Amino acid sequence: MSVTIYHNPRCSKSRQTLQILQDKGIEPTVVEYLKTPLDKAALQNLLAQLGCSPREILRKGEEAYKENHLHDPNLTDDQLLNVLVAHPKLMERPVVVHGERAVLGRPPESVLALFP
């Protein structure tokens, strides 16, 4: 079964997560999502695999979070998805997908839950 990591090589947590996978002998497909952003359908699928809402994967410290007033509780999931598509840097990282399940690599060791 294939493994994919949505990765930002500039992020230490993302690099640590990739290293954990490689240390387990897993060579995942690496998707640098800032270079190859996810479209809305792919993002919806990823959220379903994570079992979370768009708000749960937002990086609240990013300037785009403030600029787009994403703290507003009245924003719908659809509106948040549109902002995530337009500003992929807002997506928390890394995300590792194995089969139909996905896990956020925060902390990096949490990805081990995908490989019993």
Protein backbone atom coordinates (compact mmCIF):
# COMPACT_ATOMS: atom_id res chain seq x y z
CA MET A 1 0.00 0.00 0.00
CA SER A 2 1.41 3.38 -0.98
CA VAL A 3 2.36 6.13 1.45
CA THR A 4 2.27 9.83 0.59
CA ILE A 5 3.62 12.73 2.62
CA TYR A 6 2.45 16.29 2.00
CA HIS A 7 5.74 17.91 2.80
CA ASN A 8 7.42 21.26 3.22
CA PRO A 9 11.20 20.73 3.23
CA ARG A 10 11.70 24.03 5.07
CA CYS A 11 9.67 22.76 8.05
CA SER A 12 11.61 20.87 10.73
CA LYS A 13 8.55 18.81 11.76
CA SER A 14 8.00 17.80 8.16
CA ARG A 15 11.65 16.78 7.76
CA GLN A 16 11.52 14.82 11.03
CA THR A 17 8.37 13.02 9.92
CA LEU A 18 9.91 12.08 6.58
CA GLN A 19 12.98 10.76 8.43
CA ILE A 20 10.80 8.62 10.73
CA LEU A 21 9.16 7.05 7.68
CA GLN A 22 12.49 6.42 6.00
CA ASP A 23 13.92 4.93 9.21
CA LYS A 24 11.04 2.43 9.09
CA GLY A 25 12.05 1.50 5.54
CA ILE A 26 9.15 3.42 4.00
CA GLU A 27 9.93 5.52 0.92
CA PRO A 28 6.83 7.66 0.57
CA THR A 29 5.72 9.64 -2.43
CA VAL A 30 6.73 13.16 -1.46
CA VAL A 31 4.36 15.94 -2.49
CA GLU A 32 5.74 19.41 -1.88
CA TYR A 33 2.31 20.95 -1.55
CA LEU A 34 3.62 24.53 -1.78
CA LYS A 35 5.01 23.74 -5.27
CA THR A 36 2.08 21.49 -6.23
CA PRO A 37 -0.93 22.82 -4.31
CA LEU A 38 -3.95 20.63 -3.72
CA ASP A 39 -7.15 21.52 -5.50
CA LYS A 40 -10.41 21.72 -3.60
CA ALA A 41 -11.45 18.11 -4.29
CA ALA A 42 -8.06 16.74 -3.20
CA LEU A 43 -8.16 18.87 -0.07
CA GLN A 44 -11.68 17.63 0.76
CA ASN A 45 -10.52 14.05 0.32
CA LEU A 46 -7.49 14.65 2.53
CA LEU A 47 -9.69 16.18 5.25
CA ALA A 48 -12.00 13.16 5.08
CA GLN A 49 -8.99 10.86 5.52
CA LEU A 50 -7.82 12.97 8.48
CA GLY A 51 -11.33 13.02 9.93
CA CYS A 52 -11.21 16.76 10.54
CA SER A 53 -12.59 20.06 9.35
CA PRO A 54 -10.72 22.71 7.36
CA ARG A 55 -10.45 24.89 10.48
CA GLU A 56 -8.53 22.14 12.30
CA ILE A 57 -5.64 22.21 9.83
CA LEU A 58 -5.23 25.97 9.59
CA ARG A 59 -1.90 27.46 10.63
CA LYS A 60 -3.09 30.31 12.82
CA GLY A 61 0.31 32.01 13.00
CA GLU A 62 0.50 32.72 9.27
CA GLU A 63 -0.03 36.25 7.98
CA ALA A 64 -2.65 34.98 5.50
CA TYR A 65 -4.69 33.72 8.49
CA LYS A 66 -4.95 37.25 9.85
CA GLU A 67 -5.33 38.91 6.45
CA ASN A 68 -8.28 36.66 5.57
CA HIS A 69 -9.94 37.02 9.01
CA LEU A 70 -10.00 33.24 9.39
CA HIS A 71 -10.65 33.56 13.11
CA ASP A 72 -14.26 34.45 12.19
CA PRO A 73 -16.40 31.54 13.48
CA ASN A 74 -19.08 32.35 10.88
CA LEU A 75 -16.89 31.25 7.97
CA THR A 76 -18.16 28.03 6.43
CA ASP A 77 -16.04 24.98 5.67
CA ASP A 78 -16.46 25.79 1.99
CA GLN A 79 -15.11 29.32 2.49
CA LEU A 80 -12.18 27.96 4.50
CA LEU A 81 -11.44 25.40 1.77
CA ASN A 82 -11.35 28.16 -0.83
CA VAL A 83 -8.82 30.08 1.26
CA LEU A 84 -6.71 26.94 1.79
CA VAL A 85 -6.65 26.35 -1.96
CA ALA A 86 -5.62 29.97 -2.58
CA HIS A 87 -3.04 29.96 0.25
CA PRO A 88 -1.59 26.43 0.62
CA LYS A 89 0.91 27.73 3.20
CA LEU A 90 -2.04 27.87 5.61
CA MET A 91 -2.27 24.07 5.73
CA GLU A 92 -0.71 22.45 8.78
CA ARG A 93 2.05 20.04 7.88
CA PRO A 94 3.13 17.43 7.29
CA VAL A 95 0.24 15.13 6.45
CA VAL A 96 0.97 11.45 5.83
CA VAL A 97 -1.51 9.27 3.94
CA HIS A 98 -1.47 5.48 4.05
CA GLY A 99 -4.34 3.78 2.28
CA GLU A 100 -7.57 5.47 3.28
CA ARG A 101 -6.20 7.00 6.48
CA ALA A 102 -4.17 10.12 7.09
CA VAL A 103 -2.42 11.62 10.10
CA LEU A 104 -0.99 15.03 10.82
CA GLY A 105 2.69 14.71 11.70
CA ARG A 106 2.48 16.85 14.82
CA PRO A 107 4.29 15.55 16.71
CA PRO A 108 6.22 13.66 14.01
CA GLU A 109 5.90 10.36 15.91
CA SER A 110 2.11 10.46 15.46
CA VAL A 111 2.56 9.02 11.95
CA LEU A 112 3.58 5.72 13.49
CA ALA A 113 -0.12 5.15 14.27
CA LEU A 114 -0.62 4.45 10.54
CA PHE A 115 1.78 1.49 10.69
CA PRO A 116 0.78 -0.96 13.45
